[in-house]
């Protein structure tokens, strides 16, 4: 559980710094290098976020199916992606 949290934190920090660098230096070589950093950060976050959520659900209420919770979260994220641009 601890390493999953750490992995998510490392991933978001790496991606956040990469976006800051990309915004500060909008040059093609820098953007290419930063995209590699974003890929590395996303690798840290991709599976660890779902695994961390699953562990939290299992430890909070063992009778709840973690896959249904993950599905609800993905549905909410999708709805946000649909509504967000209209609100923006």
PDB file of N, CA and C in Angstrom:
ATOM      1  N   UNK A   1       0.834  -1.194   0.000  1.00  0.00           N
ATOM      2  CA  UNK A   1       0.000   0.000   0.000  1.00  0.00           C
ATOM      3  C   UNK A   1       0.872   1.248   0.000  1.00  0.00           C
ATOM      4  N   UNK A   2       1.913   1.253   0.784  1.00  0.00           N
ATOM      5  CA  UNK A   2       2.778   2.423   0.875  1.00  0.00           C
ATOM      6  C   UNK A   2       3.473   2.691  -0.452  1.00  0.00           C
ATOM      7  N   UNK A   3       3.959   1.655  -1.104  1.00  0.00           N
ATOM      8  CA  UNK A   3       4.678   1.857  -2.357  1.00  0.00           C
ATOM      9  C   UNK A   3       3.741   2.320  -3.470  1.00  0.00           C
ATOM     10  N   UNK A   4       2.466   1.935  -3.414  1.00  0.00           N
ATOM     11  CA  UNK A   4       1.508   2.395  -4.426  1.00  0.00           C
ATOM     12  C   UNK A   4       1.237   3.874  -4.254  1.00  0.00           C
ATOM     13  N   UNK A   5       1.069   4.304  -3.026  1.00  0.00           N
ATOM     14  CA  UNK A   5       0.890   5.741  -2.776  1.00  0.00           C
ATOM     15  C   UNK A   5       2.112   6.516  -3.233  1.00  0.00           C
ATOM     16  N   UNK A   6       3.271   6.009  -2.894  1.00  0.00           N
ATOM     17  CA  UNK A   6       4.514   6.676  -3.280  1.00  0.00           C
ATOM     18  C   UNK A   6       4.646   6.729  -4.793  1.00  0.00           C
ATOM     19  N   UNK A   7       4.273   5.666  -5.459  1.00  0.00           N
ATOM     20  CA  UNK A   7       4.344   5.633  -6.916  1.00  0.00           C
ATOM     21  C   UNK A   7       3.423   6.682  -7.535  1.00  0.00           C
ATOM     22  N   UNK A   8       2.212   6.823  -7.002  1.00  0.00           N
ATOM     23  CA  UNK A   8       1.278   7.828  -7.512  1.00  0.00           C
ATOM     24  C   UNK A   8       1.836   9.232  -7.268  1.00  0.00           C
ATOM     25  N   UNK A   9       2.371   9.468  -6.086  1.00  0.00           N
ATOM     26  CA  UNK A   9       2.934  10.780  -5.770  1.00  0.00           C
ATOM     27  C   UNK A   9       4.118  11.094  -6.674  1.00  0.00           C
ATOM     28  N   UNK A  10       5.010  10.150  -6.857  1.00  0.00           N
ATOM     29  CA  UNK A  10       6.167  10.363  -7.741  1.00  0.00           C
ATOM     30  C   UNK A  10       5.697  10.663  -9.161  1.00  0.00           C
ATOM     31  N   UNK A  11       4.738   9.902  -9.645  1.00  0.00           N
ATOM     32  CA  UNK A  11       4.237  10.103 -10.997  1.00  0.00           C
ATOM     33  C   UNK A  11       3.641  11.475 -11.204  1.00  0.00           C
ATOM     34  N   UNK A  12       2.806  11.930 -10.256  1.00  0.00           N
ATOM     35  CA  UNK A  12       2.180  13.249 -10.400  1.00  0.00           C
ATOM     36  C   UNK A  12       3.198  14.368 -10.280  1.00  0.00           C
ATOM     37  N   UNK A  13       4.197  14.200  -9.414  1.00  0.00           N
ATOM     38  CA  UNK A  13       5.252  15.218  -9.282  1.00  0.00           C
ATOM     39  C   UNK A  13       6.062  15.312 -10.567  1.00  0.00           C
ATOM     40  N   UNK A  14       6.444  14.171 -11.122  1.00  0.00           N
ATOM     41  CA  UNK A  14       7.210  14.164 -12.372  1.00  0.00           C
ATOM     42  C   UNK A  14       6.405  14.805 -13.500  1.00  0.00           C
ATOM     43  N   UNK A  15       5.132  14.444 -13.615  1.00  0.00           N
ATOM     44  CA  UNK A  15       4.307  15.024 -14.679  1.00  0.00           C
ATOM     45  C   UNK A  15       4.081  16.517 -14.461  1.00  0.00           C
ATOM     46  N   UNK A  16       3.873  16.931 -13.220  1.00  0.00           N
ATOM     47  CA  UNK A  16       3.681  18.348 -12.932  1.00  0.00           C
ATOM     48  C   UNK A  16       4.906  19.172 -13.281  1.00  0.00           C
ATOM     49  N   UNK A  17       6.074  18.681 -12.893  1.00  0.00           N
ATOM     50  CA  UNK A  17       7.312  19.382 -13.245  1.00  0.00           C
ATOM     51  C   UNK A  17       7.520  19.416 -14.754  1.00  0.00           C
ATOM     52  N   UNK A  18       7.180  18.329 -15.416  1.00  0.00           N
ATOM     53  CA  UNK A  18       7.329  18.286 -16.872  1.00  0.00           C
ATOM     54  C   UNK A  18       6.442  19.322 -17.545  1.00  0.00           C
ATOM     55  N   UNK A  19       5.201  19.459 -17.071  1.00  0.00           N
ATOM     56  CA  UNK A  19       4.303  20.459 -17.645  1.00  0.00           C
ATOM     57  C   UNK A  19       4.804  21.876 -17.373  1.00  0.00           C
ATOM     58  N   UNK A  20       5.370  22.109 -16.191  1.00  0.00           N
ATOM     59  CA  UNK A  20       5.936  23.422 -15.895  1.00  0.00           C
ATOM     60  C   UNK A  20       7.098  23.750 -16.835  1.00  0.00           C
ATOM     61  N   UNK A  21       7.963  22.785 -17.056  1.00  0.00           N
ATOM     62  CA  UNK A  21       9.095  22.990 -17.961  1.00  0.00           C
ATOM     63  C   UNK A  21       8.602  23.232 -19.381  1.00  0.00           C
ATOM     64  N   UNK A  22       7.619  22.463 -19.795  1.00  0.00           N
ATOM     65  CA  UNK A  22       7.082  22.606 -21.147  1.00  0.00           C
ATOM     66  C   UNK A  22       6.452  23.988 -21.353  1.00  0.00           C
ATOM     67  N   UNK A  23       5.783  24.500 -20.345  1.00  0.00           N
ATOM     68  CA  UNK A  23       5.190  25.822 -20.454  1.00  0.00           C
ATOM     69  C   UNK A  23       6.216  26.937 -20.419  1.00  0.00           C
ATOM     70  N   UNK A  24       7.295  26.721 -19.671  1.00  0.00           N
ATOM     71  CA  UNK A  24       8.322  27.752 -19.547  1.00  0.00           C
ATOM     72  C   UNK A  24       9.231  27.819 -20.776  1.00  0.00           C
ATOM     73  N   UNK A  25       9.465  26.700 -21.406  1.00  0.00           N
ATOM     74  CA  UNK A  25      10.366  26.633 -22.567  1.00  0.00           C
ATOM     75  C   UNK A  25       9.670  25.947 -23.739  1.00  0.00           C
ATOM     76  N   UNK A  26       8.844  26.670 -24.475  1.00  0.00           N
ATOM     77  CA  UNK A  26       8.101  26.034 -25.575  1.00  0.00           C
ATOM     78  C   UNK A  26       8.939  25.877 -26.847  1.00  0.00           C
ATOM     79  N   UNK A  27      10.024  25.132 -26.728  1.00  0.00           N
ATOM     80  CA  UNK A  27      10.895  24.839 -27.868  1.00  0.00           C
ATOM     81  C   UNK A  27      10.730  23.373 -28.237  1.00  0.00           C
ATOM     82  N   UNK A  28      10.830  23.061 -29.512  1.00  0.00           N
ATOM     83  CA  UNK A  28      10.561  21.699 -29.982  1.00  0.00           C
ATOM     84  C   UNK A  28      11.421  20.657 -29.269  1.00  0.00           C
ATOM     85  N   UNK A  29      12.746  20.825 -29.154  1.00  0.00           N
ATOM     86  CA  UNK A  29      13.531  19.788 -28.455  1.00  0.00           C
ATOM     87  C   UNK A  29      13.114  19.632 -26.986  1.00  0.00           C
ATOM     88  N   UNK A  30      12.774  20.742 -26.353  1.00  0.00           N
ATOM     89  CA  UNK A  30      12.347  20.682 -24.952  1.00  0.00           C
ATOM     90  C   UNK A  30      11.008  19.959 -24.840  1.00  0.00           C
ATOM     91  N   UNK A  31      10.081  20.255 -25.741  1.00  0.00           N
ATOM     92  CA  UNK A  31       8.769  19.609 -25.719  1.00  0.00           C
ATOM     93  C   UNK A  31       8.914  18.105 -25.919  1.00  0.00           C
ATOM     94  N   UNK A  32       9.788  17.697 -26.814  1.00  0.00           N
ATOM     95  CA  UNK A  32      10.015  16.262 -27.045  1.00  0.00           C
ATOM     96  C   UNK A  32      10.577  15.600 -25.786  1.00  0.00           C
ATOM     97  N   UNK A  33      11.558  16.243 -25.162  1.00  0.00           N
ATOM     98  CA  UNK A  33      12.148  15.678 -23.947  1.00  0.00           C
ATOM     99  C   UNK A  33      11.124  15.624 -22.822  1.00  0.00           C
ATOM    100  N   UNK A  34      10.310  16.665 -22.719  1.00  0.00           N
ATOM    101  CA  UNK A  34       9.303  16.715 -21.664  1.00  0.00           C
ATOM    102  C   UNK A  34       8.237  15.645 -21.877  1.00  0.00           C
ATOM    103  N   UNK A  35       7.897  15.363 -23.111  1.00  0.00           N
ATOM    104  CA  UNK A  35       6.918  14.303 -23.374  1.00  0.00           C
ATOM    105  C   UNK A  35       7.444  12.948 -22.896  1.00  0.00           C
ATOM    106  N   UNK A  36       8.735  12.748 -22.996  1.00  0.00           N
ATOM    107  CA  UNK A  36       9.328  11.526 -22.436  1.00  0.00           C
ATOM    108  C   UNK A  36       9.164  11.498 -20.912  1.00  0.00           C
ATOM    109  N   UNK A  37       9.369  12.651 -20.268  1.00  0.00           N
ATOM    110  CA  UNK A  37       9.187  12.720 -18.817  1.00  0.00           C
ATOM    111  C   UNK A  37       7.728  12.465 -18.431  1.00  0.00           C
ATOM    112  N   UNK A  38       6.814  12.999 -19.219  1.00  0.00           N
ATOM    113  CA  UNK A  38       5.397  12.767 -18.939  1.00  0.00           C
ATOM    114  C   UNK A  38       5.076  11.279 -19.076  1.00  0.00           C
ATOM    115  N   UNK A  39       5.661  10.623 -20.055  1.00  0.00           N
ATOM    116  CA  UNK A  39       5.471   9.183 -20.214  1.00  0.00           C
ATOM    117  C   UNK A  39       5.994   8.399 -19.024  1.00  0.00           C
ATOM    118  N   UNK A  40       7.135   8.822 -18.501  1.00  0.00           N
ATOM    119  CA  UNK A  40       7.696   8.163 -17.316  1.00  0.00           C
ATOM    120  C   UNK A  40       6.780   8.380 -16.109  1.00  0.00           C
ATOM    121  N   UNK A  41       6.304   9.614 -15.940  1.00  0.00           N
ATOM    122  CA  UNK A  41       5.388   9.901 -14.832  1.00  0.00           C
ATOM    123  C   UNK A  41       4.091   9.122 -14.941  1.00  0.00           C
ATOM    124  N   UNK A  42       3.575   9.022 -16.166  1.00  0.00           N
ATOM    125  CA  UNK A  42       2.331   8.276 -16.373  1.00  0.00           C
ATOM    126  C   UNK A  42       2.525   6.784 -16.095  1.00  0.00           C
ATOM    127  N   UNK A  43       3.711   6.284 -16.351  1.00  0.00           N
ATOM    128  CA  UNK A  43       4.008   4.891 -16.051  1.00  0.00           C
ATOM    129  C   UNK A  43       3.929   4.633 -14.549  1.00  0.00           C
ATOM    130  N   UNK A  44       4.394   5.592 -13.751  1.00  0.00           N
ATOM    131  CA  UNK A  44       4.282   5.451 -12.303  1.00  0.00           C
ATOM    132  C   UNK A  44       2.831   5.441 -11.846  1.00  0.00           C
ATOM    133  N   UNK A  45       1.992   6.264 -12.484  1.00  0.00           N
ATOM    134  CA  UNK A  45       0.619   6.454 -12.019  1.00  0.00           C
ATOM    135  C   UNK A  45      -0.339   5.392 -12.544  1.00  0.00           C
ATOM    136  N   UNK A  46      -0.130   4.911 -13.764  1.00  0.00           N
ATOM    137  CA  UNK A  46      -1.140   4.143 -14.497  1.00  0.00           C
ATOM    138  C   UNK A  46      -1.755   2.994 -13.696  1.00  0.00           C
ATOM    139  N   UNK A  47      -1.006   2.043 -13.281  1.00  0.00           N
ATOM    140  CA  UNK A  47      -1.574   0.903 -12.570  1.00  0.00           C
ATOM    141  C   UNK A  47      -1.665   1.117 -11.074  1.00  0.00           C
ATOM    142  N   UNK A  48      -0.779   1.964 -10.549  1.00  0.00           N
ATOM    143  CA  UNK A  48      -0.732   2.149  -9.099  1.00  0.00           C
ATOM    144  C   UNK A  48      -1.977   2.846  -8.579  1.00  0.00           C
ATOM    145  N   UNK A  49      -2.536   3.742  -9.353  1.00  0.00           N
ATOM    146  CA  UNK A  49      -3.726   4.469  -8.901  1.00  0.00           C
ATOM    147  C   UNK A  49      -4.905   3.513  -8.706  1.00  0.00           C
ATOM    148  N   UNK A  50      -5.152   2.653  -9.676  1.00  0.00           N
ATOM    149  CA  UNK A  50      -6.244   1.679  -9.558  1.00  0.00           C
ATOM    150  C   UNK A  50      -5.975   0.663  -8.447  1.00  0.00           C
ATOM    151  N   UNK A  51      -4.726   0.233  -8.332  1.00  0.00           N
ATOM    152  CA  UNK A  51      -4.383  -0.732  -7.280  1.00  0.00           C
ATOM    153  C   UNK A  51      -4.544  -0.116  -5.895  1.00  0.00           C
ATOM    154  N   UNK A  52      -4.171   1.138  -5.763  1.00  0.00           N
ATOM    155  CA  UNK A  52      -4.315   1.838  -4.483  1.00  0.00           C
ATOM    156  C   UNK A  52      -5.797   1.968  -4.120  1.00  0.00           C
ATOM    157  N   UNK A  53      -6.611   2.340  -5.089  1.00  0.00           N
ATOM    158  CA  UNK A  53      -8.050   2.456  -4.842  1.00  0.00           C
ATOM    159  C   UNK A  53      -8.648   1.106  -4.461  1.00  0.00           C
ATOM    160  N   UNK A  54      -8.227   0.054  -5.142  1.00  0.00           N
ATOM    161  CA  UNK A  54      -8.722  -1.281  -4.835  1.00  0.00           C
ATOM    162  C   UNK A  54      -8.360  -1.687  -3.417  1.00  0.00           C
ATOM    163  N   UNK A  55      -7.123  -1.424  -3.014  1.00  0.00           N
ATOM    164  CA  UNK A  55      -6.706  -1.748  -1.648  1.00  0.00           C
ATOM    165  C   UNK A  55      -7.519  -0.971  -0.616  1.00  0.00           C
ATOM    166  N   UNK A  56      -7.783   0.292  -0.901  1.00  0.00           N
ATOM    167  CA  UNK A  56      -8.568   1.095   0.039  1.00  0.00           C
ATOM    168  C   UNK A  56      -9.987   0.544   0.178  1.00  0.00           C
ATOM    169  N   UNK A  57     -10.595   0.134  -0.935  1.00  0.00           N
ATOM    170  CA  UNK A  57     -11.950  -0.414  -0.890  1.00  0.00           C
ATOM    171  C   UNK A  57     -11.972  -1.717  -0.104  1.00  0.00           C
ATOM    172  N   UNK A  58     -10.998  -2.576  -0.355  1.00  0.00           N
ATOM    173  CA  UNK A  58     -10.944  -3.878   0.330  1.00  0.00           C
ATOM    174  C   UNK A  58     -10.756  -3.691   1.834  1.00  0.00           C
ATOM    175  N   UNK A  59      -9.904  -2.741   2.226  1.00  0.00           N
ATOM    176  CA  UNK A  59      -9.658  -2.526   3.650  1.00  0.00           C
ATOM    177  C   UNK A  59     -10.813  -1.790   4.333  1.00  0.00           C
ATOM    178  N   UNK A  60     -11.545  -0.972   3.602  1.00  0.00           N
ATOM    179  CA  UNK A  60     -12.651  -0.224   4.187  1.00  0.00           C
ATOM    180  C   UNK A  60     -13.884  -1.096   4.382  1.00  0.00           C
ATOM    181  N   UNK A  61     -14.270  -1.817   3.319  1.00  0.00           N
ATOM    182  CA  UNK A  61     -15.468  -2.666   3.382  1.00  0.00           C
ATOM    183  C   UNK A  61     -15.237  -3.901   2.513  1.00  0.00           C
ATOM    184  N   UNK A  62     -14.835  -5.018   3.119  1.00  0.00           N
ATOM    185  CA  UNK A  62     -14.519  -6.215   2.338  1.00  0.00           C
ATOM    186  C   UNK A  62     -15.701  -6.786   1.551  1.00  0.00           C
ATOM    187  N   UNK A  63     -16.928  -6.405   1.893  1.00  0.00           N
ATOM    188  CA  UNK A  63     -18.075  -6.951   1.179  1.00  0.00           C
ATOM    189  C   UNK A  63     -18.324  -6.262  -0.164  1.00  0.00           C
ATOM    190  N   UNK A  64     -17.686  -5.120  -0.406  1.00  0.00           N
ATOM    191  CA  UNK A  64     -17.875  -4.376  -1.650  1.00  0.00           C
ATOM    192  C   UNK A  64     -16.923  -4.919  -2.718  1.00  0.00           C
ATOM    193  N   UNK A  65     -17.445  -5.071  -3.926  1.00  0.00           N
ATOM    194  CA  UNK A  65     -16.636  -5.538  -5.049  1.00  0.00           C
ATOM    195  C   UNK A  65     -15.800  -4.375  -5.593  1.00  0.00           C
ATOM    196  N   UNK A  66     -14.473  -4.483  -5.539  1.00  0.00           N
ATOM    197  CA  UNK A  66     -13.633  -3.370  -5.993  1.00  0.00           C
ATOM    198  C   UNK A  66     -13.823  -3.023  -7.473  1.00  0.00           C
ATOM    199  N   UNK A  67     -14.151  -4.002  -8.292  1.00  0.00           N
ATOM    200  CA  UNK A  67     -14.308  -3.710  -9.717  1.00  0.00           C
ATOM    201  C   UNK A  67     -15.494  -2.781  -9.966  1.00  0.00           C
ATOM    202  N   UNK A  68     -16.550  -2.897  -9.165  1.00  0.00           N
ATOM    203  CA  UNK A  68     -17.692  -1.996  -9.338  1.00  0.00           C
ATOM    204  C   UNK A  68     -17.331  -0.567  -8.930  1.00  0.00           C
ATOM    205  N   UNK A  69     -16.486  -0.438  -7.919  1.00  0.00           N
ATOM    206  CA  UNK A  69     -16.057   0.889  -7.482  1.00  0.00           C
ATOM    207  C   UNK A  69     -15.180   1.533  -8.547  1.00  0.00           C
ATOM    208  N   UNK A  70     -14.254   0.767  -9.114  1.00  0.00           N
ATOM    209  CA  UNK A  70     -13.378   1.284 -10.175  1.00  0.00           C
ATOM    210  C   UNK A  70     -14.214   1.674 -11.386  1.00  0.00           C
ATOM    211  N   UNK A  71     -15.203   0.845 -11.739  1.00  0.00           N
ATOM    212  CA  UNK A  71     -16.071   1.152 -12.871  1.00  0.00           C
ATOM    213  C   UNK A  71     -16.829   2.452 -12.635  1.00  0.00           C
ATOM    214  N   UNK A  72     -17.375   2.642 -11.430  1.00  0.00           N
ATOM    215  CA  UNK A  72     -18.094   3.887 -11.114  1.00  0.00           C
ATOM    216  C   UNK A  72     -17.167   5.091 -11.232  1.00  0.00           C
ATOM    217  N   UNK A  73     -15.941   4.934 -10.762  1.00  0.00           N
ATOM    218  CA  UNK A  73     -14.973   6.024 -10.865  1.00  0.00           C
ATOM    219  C   UNK A  73     -14.650   6.369 -12.309  1.00  0.00           C
ATOM    220  N   UNK A  74     -14.486   5.357 -13.142  1.00  0.00           N
ATOM    221  CA  UNK A  74     -14.206   5.596 -14.555  1.00  0.00           C
ATOM    222  C   UNK A  74     -15.409   6.218 -15.258  1.00  0.00           C
ATOM    223  N   UNK A  75     -16.608   5.824 -14.866  1.00  0.00           N
ATOM    224  CA  UNK A  75     -17.808   6.430 -15.445  1.00  0.00           C
ATOM    225  C   UNK A  75     -17.908   7.903 -15.053  1.00  0.00           C
ATOM    226  N   UNK A  76     -17.596   8.213 -13.808  1.00  0.00           N
ATOM    227  CA  UNK A  76     -17.630   9.606 -13.356  1.00  0.00           C
ATOM    228  C   UNK A  76     -16.564  10.434 -14.085  1.00  0.00           C
ATOM    229  N   UNK A  77     -15.389   9.853 -14.280  1.00  0.00           N
ATOM    230  CA  UNK A  77     -14.330  10.563 -15.006  1.00  0.00           C
ATOM    231  C   UNK A  77     -14.750  10.821 -16.448  1.00  0.00           C
ATOM    232  N   UNK A  78     -15.387   9.848 -17.072  1.00  0.00           N
ATOM    233  CA  UNK A  78     -15.853  10.012 -18.444  1.00  0.00           C
ATOM    234  C   UNK A  78     -16.920  11.104 -18.523  1.00  0.00           C
ATOM    235  N   UNK A  79     -17.833  11.106 -17.572  1.00  0.00           N
ATOM    236  CA  UNK A  79     -18.870  12.142 -17.552  1.00  0.00           C
ATOM    237  C   UNK A  79     -18.238  13.523 -17.372  1.00  0.00           C
ATOM    238  N   UNK A  80     -17.220  13.599 -16.545  1.00  0.00           N
ATOM    239  CA  UNK A  80     -16.518  14.864 -16.364  1.00  0.00           C
ATOM    240  C   UNK A  80     -15.823  15.326 -17.628  1.00  0.00           C
ATOM    241  N   UNK A  81     -15.286  14.376 -18.391  1.00  0.00           N
ATOM    242  CA  UNK A  81     -14.636  14.732 -19.658  1.00  0.00           C
ATOM    243  C   UNK A  81     -15.645  15.207 -20.692  1.00  0.00           C
ATOM    244  N   UNK A  82     -16.869  14.734 -20.593  1.00  0.00           N
ATOM    245  CA  UNK A  82     -17.908  15.185 -21.514  1.00  0.00           C
ATOM    246  C   UNK A  82     -18.454  16.563 -21.114  1.00  0.00           C
ATOM    247  N   UNK A  83     -18.675  16.763 -19.823  1.00  0.00           N
ATOM    248  CA  UNK A  83     -19.299  17.990 -19.348  1.00  0.00           C
ATOM    249  C   UNK A  83     -18.272  19.117 -19.165  1.00  0.00           C
ATOM    250  N   UNK A  84     -17.050  18.775 -18.803  1.00  0.00           N
ATOM    251  CA  UNK A  84     -16.019  19.768 -18.513  1.00  0.00           C
ATOM    252  C   UNK A  84     -15.792  20.802 -19.614  1.00  0.00           C
ATOM    253  N   UNK A  85     -15.618  20.383 -20.855  1.00  0.00           N
ATOM    254  CA  UNK A  85     -15.405  21.387 -21.910  1.00  0.00           C
ATOM    255  C   UNK A  85     -16.579  22.346 -22.069  1.00  0.00           C
ATOM    256  N   UNK A  86     -17.782  21.865 -21.865  1.00  0.00           N
ATOM    257  CA  UNK A  86     -18.955  22.736 -21.981  1.00  0.00           C
ATOM    258  C   UNK A  86     -18.975  23.745 -20.835  1.00  0.00           C
ATOM    259  N   UNK A  87     -18.587  23.313 -19.650  1.00  0.00           N
ATOM    260  CA  UNK A  87     -18.550  24.238 -18.526  1.00  0.00           C
ATOM    261  C   UNK A  87     -17.389  25.230 -18.665  1.00  0.00           C
ATOM    262  N   UNK A  88     -16.313  24.766 -19.301  1.00  0.00           N
ATOM    263  CA  UNK A  88     -15.142  25.635 -19.489  1.00  0.00           C
ATOM    264  C   UNK A  88     -15.424  26.725 -20.482  1.00  0.00           C
TER     265      UNK A  88
END
